[in-house]
Amino acid sequence: MISQIIGMFFGFFIYGKFVFNNKSLTILKLVKYVFSTLWIWIFNWFGIYFLSINGIKKNIAVILLIPLLALVSYLIQKKKVFV
């Protein structure tokens, strides 16, 4: 759990500065980033659960979800977090 929190803060600064070239990383943007990350995690957990109860192995479910989650995460961060 601690590694997830550290990774979340690390990701906020790295994505904000280097991916989205954002000069102003505010507390509001951090809060938006935390909530967007939590929603992506929830969607990931639900997606793995849903696919696994429908006969897809969990490791395959993860592979299927990664492209969708990456796209959704990028778009949310671009349009809502680092604007």
Protein backbone atom coordinates (compact mmCIF):
# COMPACT_ATOMS: atom_id res chain seq x y z
CA MET A 1 0.00 0.00 0.00
CA ILE A 2 2.81 2.42 0.82
CA SER A 3 4.46 1.64 -2.51
CA GLN A 4 1.19 2.48 -4.29
CA ILE A 5 1.02 5.86 -2.56
CA ILE A 6 4.66 6.64 -3.33
CA GLY A 7 4.13 5.54 -6.92
CA MET A 8 1.06 7.75 -7.20
CA PHE A 9 2.94 10.85 -6.07
CA PHE A 10 5.92 9.98 -8.25
CA GLY A 11 3.59 9.50 -11.22
CA PHE A 12 1.89 12.84 -10.58
CA PHE A 13 5.16 14.74 -10.83
CA ILE A 14 6.62 12.71 -13.70
CA TYR A 15 3.47 12.77 -15.85
CA GLY A 16 2.74 16.38 -15.02
CA LYS A 17 6.22 17.65 -15.84
CA PHE A 18 7.41 15.35 -18.61
CA VAL A 19 4.36 13.86 -20.33
CA PHE A 20 2.01 16.84 -20.20
CA ASN A 21 4.68 19.56 -19.88
CA ASN A 22 2.71 21.22 -17.10
CA LYS A 23 4.58 24.00 -15.33
CA SER A 24 2.05 24.48 -12.52
CA LEU A 25 1.43 21.38 -10.40
CA THR A 26 -1.13 22.53 -7.84
CA ILE A 27 -2.86 20.80 -4.93
CA LEU A 28 -6.10 20.79 -6.96
CA LYS A 29 -4.35 18.94 -9.79
CA LEU A 30 -2.92 16.49 -7.27
CA VAL A 31 -6.40 15.82 -5.87
CA LYS A 32 -7.77 15.32 -9.40
CA TYR A 33 -4.87 12.97 -10.17
CA VAL A 34 -5.46 10.91 -7.01
CA PHE A 35 -9.17 10.55 -7.76
CA SER A 36 -8.53 9.66 -11.41
CA THR A 37 -5.96 7.05 -10.35
CA LEU A 38 -8.39 5.56 -7.83
CA TRP A 39 -11.12 5.32 -10.48
CA ILE A 40 -8.74 3.59 -12.88
CA TRP A 41 -7.78 1.09 -10.15
CA ILE A 42 -11.46 0.42 -9.38
CA PHE A 43 -12.22 -0.03 -13.07
CA ASN A 44 -9.24 -2.39 -13.32
CA TRP A 45 -10.38 -4.50 -10.36
CA PHE A 46 -13.96 -4.63 -11.66
CA GLY A 47 -12.80 -5.47 -15.18
CA ILE A 48 -10.60 -8.33 -13.98
CA TYR A 49 -13.41 -9.65 -11.78
CA PHE A 50 -16.03 -9.38 -14.53
CA LEU A 51 -13.86 -11.06 -17.15
CA SER A 52 -12.75 -13.81 -14.75
CA ILE A 53 -16.31 -14.74 -13.74
CA ASN A 54 -17.06 -15.02 -17.45
CA GLY A 55 -14.38 -17.65 -17.99
CA ILE A 56 -11.33 -15.57 -18.87
CA LYS A 57 -8.20 -16.26 -16.85
CA LYS A 58 -7.13 -13.33 -14.71
CA ASN A 59 -3.74 -12.92 -16.39
CA ILE A 60 -5.44 -12.78 -19.80
CA ALA A 61 -8.01 -10.33 -18.43
CA VAL A 62 -5.19 -8.01 -17.35
CA ILE A 63 -3.60 -8.19 -20.80
CA LEU A 64 -6.95 -7.34 -22.40
CA LEU A 65 -7.58 -4.41 -20.04
CA ILE A 66 -4.16 -2.72 -20.23
CA PRO A 67 -4.67 -0.91 -23.59
CA LEU A 68 -8.11 0.37 -22.59
CA LEU A 69 -6.97 1.48 -19.14
CA ALA A 70 -3.89 3.19 -20.55
CA LEU A 71 -5.98 5.11 -23.08
CA VAL A 72 -8.64 6.12 -20.54
CA SER A 73 -5.99 7.15 -18.01
CA TYR A 74 -4.14 9.25 -20.57
CA LEU A 75 -7.30 11.00 -21.78
CA ILE A 76 -8.51 11.77 -18.26
CA GLN A 77 -5.14 13.18 -17.30
CA LYS A 78 -4.89 15.21 -20.49
CA LYS A 79 -8.45 16.60 -20.45
CA LYS A 80 -9.25 16.84 -16.73
CA VAL A 81 -6.14 16.73 -14.54
CA PHE A 82 -3.26 18.55 -16.20
CA VAL A 83 -5.20 21.31 -17.98
